[in-house]
Amino acid sequence: MEVAGALSIFQRSQSLYNVRYTKYLGDGDSKAFTSIVENKVYGDHCSVEKLECIGHVMKRMGTRLRRLKTKMRGQNFLTESLYAEEID
């Protein structure tokens, strides 16, 4: 559904509003950008550039870091004996 929606938005933008979108802001998980580029919605003379959504990347990375933190909890990586040796 997302692919079809993105294609229809890009295709009708020029006829309805006389606008060409040159940048695509996506989450990186969909095939919508690929389909827009493959279909060449504005022809060969106008290309669409993909921008990454930083918020989405931060959300995915944060989830993975929280999961790793939970997994590593209680394994005593920084015990008194380890950092006492480094100080001496």
PDB file of N, CA and C in Angstrom:
ATOM      1  N   MET A   1       0.824  -1.196   0.000  1.00  0.00           N
ATOM      2  CA  MET A   1       0.000   0.000   0.000  1.00  0.00           C
ATOM      3  C   MET A   1       0.868   1.260   0.000  1.00  0.00           C
ATOM      4  N   GLU A   2       1.949   1.243   0.762  1.00  0.00           N
ATOM      5  CA  GLU A   2       2.817   2.416   0.848  1.00  0.00           C
ATOM      6  C   GLU A   2       3.450   2.735  -0.503  1.00  0.00           C
ATOM      7  N   VAL A   3       3.815   1.704  -1.243  1.00  0.00           N
ATOM      8  CA  VAL A   3       4.433   1.901  -2.558  1.00  0.00           C
ATOM      9  C   VAL A   3       3.443   2.562  -3.508  1.00  0.00           C
ATOM     10  N   ALA A   4       2.233   2.056  -3.544  1.00  0.00           N
ATOM     11  CA  ALA A   4       1.211   2.610  -4.435  1.00  0.00           C
ATOM     12  C   ALA A   4       0.872   4.050  -4.057  1.00  0.00           C
ATOM     13  N   GLY A   5       0.814   4.327  -2.761  1.00  0.00           N
ATOM     14  CA  GLY A   5       0.515   5.683  -2.303  1.00  0.00           C
ATOM     15  C   GLY A   5       1.596   6.675  -2.680  1.00  0.00           C
ATOM     16  N   ALA A   6       2.843   6.285  -2.479  1.00  0.00           N
ATOM     17  CA  ALA A   6       3.957   7.172  -2.831  1.00  0.00           C
ATOM     18  C   ALA A   6       3.995   7.426  -4.330  1.00  0.00           C
ATOM     19  N   LEU A   7       3.780   6.390  -5.112  1.00  0.00           N
ATOM     20  CA  LEU A   7       3.769   6.554  -6.572  1.00  0.00           C
ATOM     21  C   LEU A   7       2.670   7.506  -7.020  1.00  0.00           C
ATOM     22  N   SER A   8       1.472   7.343  -6.462  1.00  0.00           N
ATOM     23  CA  SER A   8       0.367   8.211  -6.890  1.00  0.00           C
ATOM     24  C   SER A   8       0.603   9.662  -6.475  1.00  0.00           C
ATOM     25  N   ILE A   9       1.191   9.878  -5.303  1.00  0.00           N
ATOM     26  CA  ILE A   9       1.491  11.246  -4.855  1.00  0.00           C
ATOM     27  C   ILE A   9       2.496  11.905  -5.786  1.00  0.00           C
ATOM     28  N   PHE A  10       3.562  11.181  -6.126  1.00  0.00           N
ATOM     29  CA  PHE A  10       4.584  11.745  -7.008  1.00  0.00           C
ATOM     30  C   PHE A  10       4.033  11.963  -8.416  1.00  0.00           C
ATOM     31  N   GLN A  11       3.223  11.038  -8.908  1.00  0.00           N
ATOM     32  CA  GLN A  11       2.709  11.148 -10.274  1.00  0.00           C
ATOM     33  C   GLN A  11       1.713  12.290 -10.433  1.00  0.00           C
ATOM     34  N   ARG A  12       0.855  12.492  -9.454  1.00  0.00           N
ATOM     35  CA  ARG A  12      -0.165  13.535  -9.615  1.00  0.00           C
ATOM     36  C   ARG A  12       0.305  14.912  -9.158  1.00  0.00           C
ATOM     37  N   SER A  13       1.477  15.002  -8.540  1.00  0.00           N
ATOM     38  CA  SER A  13       1.950  16.298  -8.043  1.00  0.00           C
ATOM     39  C   SER A  13       2.154  17.302  -9.174  1.00  0.00           C
ATOM     40  N   GLN A  14       2.635  16.827 -10.295  1.00  0.00           N
ATOM     41  CA  GLN A  14       2.906  17.739 -11.407  1.00  0.00           C
ATOM     42  C   GLN A  14       1.610  18.166 -12.101  1.00  0.00           C
ATOM     43  N   SER A  15       0.696  17.238 -12.297  1.00  0.00           N
ATOM     44  CA  SER A  15      -0.543  17.590 -13.004  1.00  0.00           C
ATOM     45  C   SER A  15      -1.483  18.439 -12.145  1.00  0.00           C
ATOM     46  N   LEU A  16      -1.549  18.160 -10.849  1.00  0.00           N
ATOM     47  CA  LEU A  16      -2.466  18.904  -9.985  1.00  0.00           C
ATOM     48  C   LEU A  16      -1.889  20.234  -9.498  1.00  0.00           C
ATOM     49  N   TYR A  17      -0.617  20.228  -9.111  1.00  0.00           N
ATOM     50  CA  TYR A  17      -0.047  21.400  -8.448  1.00  0.00           C
ATOM     51  C   TYR A  17       1.134  22.025  -9.187  1.00  0.00           C
ATOM     52  N   ASN A  18       1.513  21.447 -10.311  1.00  0.00           N
ATOM     53  CA  ASN A  18       2.666  21.905 -11.080  1.00  0.00           C
ATOM     54  C   ASN A  18       3.936  21.904 -10.213  1.00  0.00           C
ATOM     55  N   VAL A  19       4.104  20.820  -9.447  1.00  0.00           N
ATOM     56  CA  VAL A  19       5.219  20.662  -8.511  1.00  0.00           C
ATOM     57  C   VAL A  19       5.918  19.344  -8.797  1.00  0.00           C
ATOM     58  N   ARG A  20       7.245  19.363  -8.723  1.00  0.00           N
ATOM     59  CA  ARG A  20       8.037  18.132  -8.819  1.00  0.00           C
ATOM     60  C   ARG A  20       8.798  17.964  -7.511  1.00  0.00           C
ATOM     61  N   TYR A  21       8.604  16.831  -6.884  1.00  0.00           N
ATOM     62  CA  TYR A  21       9.345  16.537  -5.662  1.00  0.00           C
ATOM     63  C   TYR A  21      10.716  15.997  -6.048  1.00  0.00           C
ATOM     64  N   THR A  22      11.769  16.638  -5.579  1.00  0.00           N
ATOM     65  CA  THR A  22      13.126  16.184  -5.902  1.00  0.00           C
ATOM     66  C   THR A  22      13.781  15.472  -4.731  1.00  0.00           C
ATOM     67  N   LYS A  23      13.155  15.516  -3.573  1.00  0.00           N
ATOM     68  CA  LYS A  23      13.691  14.851  -2.381  1.00  0.00           C
ATOM     69  C   LYS A  23      12.623  13.920  -1.816  1.00  0.00           C
ATOM     70  N   TYR A  24      13.063  12.763  -1.359  1.00  0.00           N
ATOM     71  CA  TYR A  24      12.170  11.776  -0.754  1.00  0.00           C
ATOM     72  C   TYR A  24      12.667  11.499   0.651  1.00  0.00           C
ATOM     73  N   LEU A  25      11.836  11.753   1.650  1.00  0.00           N
ATOM     74  CA  LEU A  25      12.185  11.503   3.042  1.00  0.00           C
ATOM     75  C   LEU A  25      11.483  10.230   3.473  1.00  0.00           C
ATOM     76  N   GLY A  26      12.257   9.189   3.691  1.00  0.00           N
ATOM     77  CA  GLY A  26      11.670   7.904   4.042  1.00  0.00           C
ATOM     78  C   GLY A  26      12.373   7.272   5.219  1.00  0.00           C
ATOM     79  N   ASP A  27      11.773   6.199   5.715  1.00  0.00           N
ATOM     80  CA  ASP A  27      12.327   5.530   6.882  1.00  0.00           C
ATOM     81  C   ASP A  27      13.359   4.468   6.541  1.00  0.00           C
ATOM     82  N   GLY A  28      13.566   4.195   5.283  1.00  0.00           N
ATOM     83  CA  GLY A  28      14.590   3.244   4.886  1.00  0.00           C
ATOM     84  C   GLY A  28      14.127   1.810   4.849  1.00  0.00           C
ATOM     85  N   ASP A  29      12.914   1.525   5.307  1.00  0.00           N
ATOM     86  CA  ASP A  29      12.424   0.157   5.349  1.00  0.00           C
ATOM     87  C   ASP A  29      11.502  -0.189   4.188  1.00  0.00           C
ATOM     88  N   SER A  30      11.117   0.764   3.399  1.00  0.00           N
ATOM     89  CA  SER A  30      10.117   0.500   2.371  1.00  0.00           C
ATOM     90  C   SER A  30      10.726   0.449   0.979  1.00  0.00           C
ATOM     91  N   LYS A  31       9.956  -0.047   0.064  1.00  0.00           N
ATOM     92  CA  LYS A  31      10.368  -0.128  -1.333  1.00  0.00           C
ATOM     93  C   LYS A  31       9.799   1.041  -2.139  1.00  0.00           C
ATOM     94  N   ALA A  32       9.201   1.996  -1.465  1.00  0.00           N
ATOM     95  CA  ALA A  32       8.554   3.113  -2.150  1.00  0.00           C
ATOM     96  C   ALA A  32       9.554   3.934  -2.956  1.00  0.00           C
ATOM     97  N   PHE A  33      10.704   4.245  -2.366  1.00  0.00           N
ATOM     98  CA  PHE A  33      11.698   5.049  -3.079  1.00  0.00           C
ATOM     99  C   PHE A  33      12.209   4.307  -4.310  1.00  0.00           C
ATOM    100  N   THR A  34      12.462   3.027  -4.163  1.00  0.00           N
ATOM    101  CA  THR A  34      12.939   2.224  -5.292  1.00  0.00           C
ATOM    102  C   THR A  34      11.934   2.235  -6.430  1.00  0.00           C
ATOM    103  N   SER A  35      10.655   2.116  -6.099  1.00  0.00           N
ATOM    104  CA  SER A  35       9.634   2.114  -7.149  1.00  0.00           C
ATOM    105  C   SER A  35       9.512   3.481  -7.818  1.00  0.00           C
ATOM    106  N   ILE A  36       9.703   4.556  -7.068  1.00  0.00           N
ATOM    107  CA  ILE A  36       9.649   5.909  -7.649  1.00  0.00           C
ATOM    108  C   ILE A  36      10.789   6.099  -8.639  1.00  0.00           C
ATOM    109  N   VAL A  37      11.981   5.645  -8.260  1.00  0.00           N
ATOM    110  CA  VAL A  37      13.146   5.782  -9.139  1.00  0.00           C
ATOM    111  C   VAL A  37      12.994   4.898 -10.373  1.00  0.00           C
ATOM    112  N   GLU A  38      12.535   3.662 -10.185  1.00  0.00           N
ATOM    113  CA  GLU A  38      12.390   2.736 -11.317  1.00  0.00           C
ATOM    114  C   GLU A  38      11.332   3.202 -12.310  1.00  0.00           C
ATOM    115  N   ASN A  39      10.249   3.790 -11.817  1.00  0.00           N
ATOM    116  CA  ASN A  39       9.166   4.241 -12.699  1.00  0.00           C
ATOM    117  C   ASN A  39       9.455   5.583 -13.358  1.00  0.00           C
ATOM    118  N   LYS A  40      10.506   6.271 -12.914  1.00  0.00           N
ATOM    119  CA  LYS A  40      10.891   7.570 -13.473  1.00  0.00           C
ATOM    120  C   LYS A  40       9.669   8.475 -13.632  1.00  0.00           C
ATOM    121  N   VAL A  41       9.062   8.805 -12.496  1.00  0.00           N
ATOM    122  CA  VAL A  41       7.800   9.543 -12.507  1.00  0.00           C
ATOM    123  C   VAL A  41       7.889  10.892 -13.205  1.00  0.00           C
ATOM    124  N   TYR A  42       9.060  11.525 -13.225  1.00  0.00           N
ATOM    125  CA  TYR A  42       9.215  12.816 -13.894  1.00  0.00           C
ATOM    126  C   TYR A  42      10.048  12.711 -15.162  1.00  0.00           C
ATOM    127  N   GLY A  43      10.307  11.525 -15.619  1.00  0.00           N
ATOM    128  CA  GLY A  43      11.115  11.337 -16.821  1.00  0.00           C
ATOM    129  C   GLY A  43      12.593  11.257 -16.492  1.00  0.00           C
ATOM    130  N   ASP A  44      13.411  11.263 -17.530  1.00  0.00           N
ATOM    131  CA  ASP A  44      14.858  11.140 -17.346  1.00  0.00           C
ATOM    132  C   ASP A  44      15.524  12.440 -16.913  1.00  0.00           C
ATOM    133  N   HIS A  45      14.873  13.563 -17.124  1.00  0.00           N
ATOM    134  CA  HIS A  45      15.498  14.861 -16.864  1.00  0.00           C
ATOM    135  C   HIS A  45      15.411  15.313 -15.407  1.00  0.00           C
ATOM    136  N   CYS A  46      14.642  14.646 -14.579  1.00  0.00           N
ATOM    137  CA  CYS A  46      14.489  15.037 -13.176  1.00  0.00           C
ATOM    138  C   CYS A  46      14.637  13.800 -12.291  1.00  0.00           C
ATOM    139  N   SER A  47      15.602  13.837 -11.381  1.00  0.00           N
ATOM    140  CA  SER A  47      15.816  12.691 -10.500  1.00  0.00           C
ATOM    141  C   SER A  47      15.355  13.024  -9.084  1.00  0.00           C
ATOM    142  N   VAL A  48      15.081  11.985  -8.311  1.00  0.00           N
ATOM    143  CA  VAL A  48      14.621  12.132  -6.939  1.00  0.00           C
ATOM    144  C   VAL A  48      15.736  11.644  -6.018  1.00  0.00           C
ATOM    145  N   GLU A  49      16.065  12.455  -5.024  1.00  0.00           N
ATOM    146  CA  GLU A  49      17.128  12.132  -4.073  1.00  0.00           C
ATOM    147  C   GLU A  49      16.506  11.625  -2.780  1.00  0.00           C
ATOM    148  N   LYS A  50      17.101  10.609  -2.191  1.00  0.00           N
ATOM    149  CA  LYS A  50      16.569  10.040  -0.954  1.00  0.00           C
ATOM    150  C   LYS A  50      17.263  10.655   0.254  1.00  0.00           C
ATOM    151  N   LEU A  51      16.469  11.085   1.220  1.00  0.00           N
ATOM    152  CA  LEU A  51      16.966  11.593   2.493  1.00  0.00           C
ATOM    153  C   LEU A  51      16.598  10.582   3.573  1.00  0.00           C
ATOM    154  N   GLU A  52      17.463  10.370   4.531  1.00  0.00           N
ATOM    155  CA  GLU A  52      17.181   9.441   5.618  1.00  0.00           C
ATOM    156  C   GLU A  52      16.505  10.169   6.770  1.00  0.00           C
ATOM    157  N   CYS A  53      15.551   9.524   7.355  1.00  0.00           N
ATOM    158  CA  CYS A  53      14.855  10.068   8.513  1.00  0.00           C
ATOM    159  C   CYS A  53      15.690   9.755   9.755  1.00  0.00           C
ATOM    160  N   ILE A  54      16.301  10.749  10.340  1.00  0.00           N
ATOM    161  CA  ILE A  54      17.191  10.556  11.479  1.00  0.00           C
ATOM    162  C   ILE A  54      16.421  10.045  12.693  1.00  0.00           C
ATOM    163  N   GLY A  55      15.212  10.520  12.892  1.00  0.00           N
ATOM    164  CA  GLY A  55      14.410  10.076  14.032  1.00  0.00           C
ATOM    165  C   GLY A  55      14.153   8.586  13.999  1.00  0.00           C
ATOM    166  N   HIS A  56      13.898   8.057  12.820  1.00  0.00           N
ATOM    167  CA  HIS A  56      13.642   6.626  12.686  1.00  0.00           C
ATOM    168  C   HIS A  56      14.912   5.832  12.975  1.00  0.00           C
ATOM    169  N   VAL A  57      16.040   6.304  12.486  1.00  0.00           N
ATOM    170  CA  VAL A  57      17.318   5.628  12.741  1.00  0.00           C
ATOM    171  C   VAL A  57      17.625   5.651  14.231  1.00  0.00           C
ATOM    172  N   MET A  58      17.402   6.799  14.876  1.00  0.00           N
ATOM    173  CA  MET A  58      17.646   6.901  16.314  1.00  0.00           C
ATOM    174  C   MET A  58      16.742   5.957  17.091  1.00  0.00           C
ATOM    175  N   LYS A  59      15.495   5.826  16.668  1.00  0.00           N
ATOM    176  CA  LYS A  59      14.560   4.940  17.353  1.00  0.00           C
ATOM    177  C   LYS A  59      15.022   3.494  17.252  1.00  0.00           C
ATOM    178  N   ARG A  60      15.421   3.065  16.052  1.00  0.00           N
ATOM    179  CA  ARG A  60      15.885   1.687  15.875  1.00  0.00           C
ATOM    180  C   ARG A  60      17.155   1.437  16.667  1.00  0.00           C
ATOM    181  N   MET A  61      18.094   2.387  16.635  1.00  0.00           N
ATOM    182  CA  MET A  61      19.344   2.212  17.361  1.00  0.00           C
ATOM    183  C   MET A  61      19.095   2.202  18.865  1.00  0.00           C
ATOM    184  N   GLY A  62      18.217   3.071  19.336  1.00  0.00           N
ATOM    185  CA  GLY A  62      17.890   3.110  20.760  1.00  0.00           C
ATOM    186  C   GLY A  62      17.282   1.809  21.236  1.00  0.00           C
ATOM    187  N   THR A  63      16.402   1.228  20.432  1.00  0.00           N
ATOM    188  CA  THR A  63      15.790  -0.049  20.784  1.00  0.00           C
ATOM    189  C   THR A  63      16.848  -1.130  20.896  1.00  0.00           C
ATOM    190  N   ARG A  64      17.756  -1.163  19.948  1.00  0.00           N
ATOM    191  CA  ARG A  64      18.811  -2.184  19.975  1.00  0.00           C
ATOM    192  C   ARG A  64      19.756  -1.982  21.153  1.00  0.00           C
ATOM    193  N   LEU A  65      20.072  -0.733  21.476  1.00  0.00           N
ATOM    194  CA  LEU A  65      20.945  -0.473  22.621  1.00  0.00           C
ATOM    195  C   LEU A  65      20.272  -0.850  23.937  1.00  0.00           C
ATOM    196  N   ARG A  66      18.969  -0.557  24.072  1.00  0.00           N
ATOM    197  CA  ARG A  66      18.251  -0.948  25.286  1.00  0.00           C
ATOM    198  C   ARG A  66      18.206  -2.460  25.423  1.00  0.00           C
ATOM    199  N   ARG A  67      17.993  -3.158  24.313  1.00  0.00           N
ATOM    200  CA  ARG A  67      17.971  -4.619  24.327  1.00  0.00           C
ATOM    201  C   ARG A  67      19.344  -5.174  24.727  1.00  0.00           C
ATOM    202  N   LEU A  68      20.414  -4.590  24.201  1.00  0.00           N
ATOM    203  CA  LEU A  68      21.767  -5.021  24.541  1.00  0.00           C
ATOM    204  C   LEU A  68      22.072  -4.752  26.009  1.00  0.00           C
ATOM    205  N   LYS A  69      21.625  -3.604  26.510  1.00  0.00           N
ATOM    206  CA  LYS A  69      21.848  -3.263  27.915  1.00  0.00           C
ATOM    207  C   LYS A  69      21.160  -4.270  28.826  1.00  0.00           C
ATOM    208  N   THR A  70      19.927  -4.642  28.487  1.00  0.00           N
ATOM    209  CA  THR A  70      19.197  -5.628  29.273  1.00  0.00           C
ATOM    210  C   THR A  70      19.899  -6.978  29.224  1.00  0.00           C
ATOM    211  N   LYS A  71      20.383  -7.343  28.075  1.00  0.00           N
ATOM    212  CA  LYS A  71      21.066  -8.626  27.899  1.00  0.00           C
ATOM    213  C   LYS A  71      22.379  -8.666  28.684  1.00  0.00           C
ATOM    214  N   MET A  72      23.110  -7.560  28.725  1.00  0.00           N
ATOM    215  CA  MET A  72      24.423  -7.521  29.364  1.00  0.00           C
ATOM    216  C   MET A  72      24.350  -7.229  30.866  1.00  0.00           C
ATOM    217  N   ARG A  73      23.181  -6.931  31.375  1.00  0.00           N
ATOM    218  CA  ARG A  73      23.030  -6.552  32.775  1.00  0.00           C
ATOM    219  C   ARG A  73      23.491  -7.691  33.691  1.00  0.00           C
ATOM    220  N   GLY A  74      24.224  -7.334  34.734  1.00  0.00           N
ATOM    221  CA  GLY A  74      24.615  -8.304  35.741  1.00  0.00           C
ATOM    222  C   GLY A  74      25.830  -9.133  35.384  1.00  0.00           C
ATOM    223  N   GLN A  75      26.575  -8.770  34.373  1.00  0.00           N
ATOM    224  CA  GLN A  75      27.730  -9.571  33.999  1.00  0.00           C
ATOM    225  C   GLN A  75      29.025  -9.020  34.584  1.00  0.00           C
ATOM    226  N   ASN A  76      28.941  -7.985  35.403  1.00  0.00           N
ATOM    227  CA  ASN A  76      30.072  -7.443  36.164  1.00  0.00           C
ATOM    228  C   ASN A  76      31.295  -7.149  35.308  1.00  0.00           C
ATOM    229  N   PHE A  77      31.128  -6.345  34.305  1.00  0.00           N
ATOM    230  CA  PHE A  77      32.265  -5.964  33.479  1.00  0.00           C
ATOM    231  C   PHE A  77      33.178  -4.981  34.204  1.00  0.00           C
ATOM    232  N   LEU A  78      32.628  -4.140  35.022  1.00  0.00           N
ATOM    233  CA  LEU A  78      33.426  -3.159  35.756  1.00  0.00           C
ATOM    234  C   LEU A  78      33.348  -3.467  37.251  1.00  0.00           C
ATOM    235  N   THR A  79      34.088  -4.432  37.681  1.00  0.00           N
ATOM    236  CA  THR A  79      34.114  -4.760  39.103  1.00  0.00           C
ATOM    237  C   THR A  79      35.261  -4.010  39.751  1.00  0.00           C
ATOM    238  N   GLU A  80      35.261  -3.997  41.061  1.00  0.00           N
ATOM    239  CA  GLU A  80      36.305  -3.283  41.802  1.00  0.00           C
ATOM    240  C   GLU A  80      37.691  -3.785  41.430  1.00  0.00           C
ATOM    241  N   SER A  81      37.840  -5.076  41.261  1.00  0.00           N
ATOM    242  CA  SER A  81      39.170  -5.625  40.984  1.00  0.00           C
ATOM    243  C   SER A  81      39.703  -5.153  39.635  1.00  0.00           C
ATOM    244  N   LEU A  82      38.844  -4.996  38.658  1.00  0.00           N
ATOM    245  CA  LEU A  82      39.302  -4.584  37.336  1.00  0.00           C
ATOM    246  C   LEU A  82      39.787  -3.146  37.321  1.00  0.00           C
ATOM    247  N   TYR A  83      39.011  -2.232  37.865  1.00  0.00           N
ATOM    248  CA  TYR A  83      39.459  -0.848  37.772  1.00  0.00           C
ATOM    249  C   TYR A  83      40.417  -0.477  38.892  1.00  0.00           C
ATOM    250  N   ALA A  84      40.545  -1.272  39.920  1.00  0.00           N
ATOM    251  CA  ALA A  84      41.574  -1.036  40.937  1.00  0.00           C
ATOM    252  C   ALA A  84      42.947  -1.342  40.358  1.00  0.00           C
ATOM    253  N   GLU A  85      43.044  -2.365  39.514  1.00  0.00           N
ATOM    254  CA  GLU A  85      44.312  -2.720  38.884  1.00  0.00           C
ATOM    255  C   GLU A  85      44.762  -1.638  37.909  1.00  0.00           C
ATOM    256  N   GLU A  86      43.832  -1.044  37.188  1.00  0.00           N
ATOM    257  CA  GLU A  86      44.176  -0.020  36.211  1.00  0.00           C
ATOM    258  C   GLU A  86      44.689   1.247  36.875  1.00  0.00           C
ATOM    259  N   ILE A  87      44.204   1.560  38.052  1.00  0.00           N
ATOM    260  CA  ILE A  87      44.623   2.770  38.759  1.00  0.00           C
ATOM    261  C   ILE A  87      46.047   2.616  39.278  1.00  0.00           C
ATOM    262  N   ASP A  88      46.386   1.441  39.781  1.00  0.00           N
ATOM    263  CA  ASP A  88      47.724   1.209  40.347  1.00  0.00           C
ATOM    264  C   ASP A  88      48.723   1.152  39.294  1.00  0.00           C
TER     265      ASP A  88
END
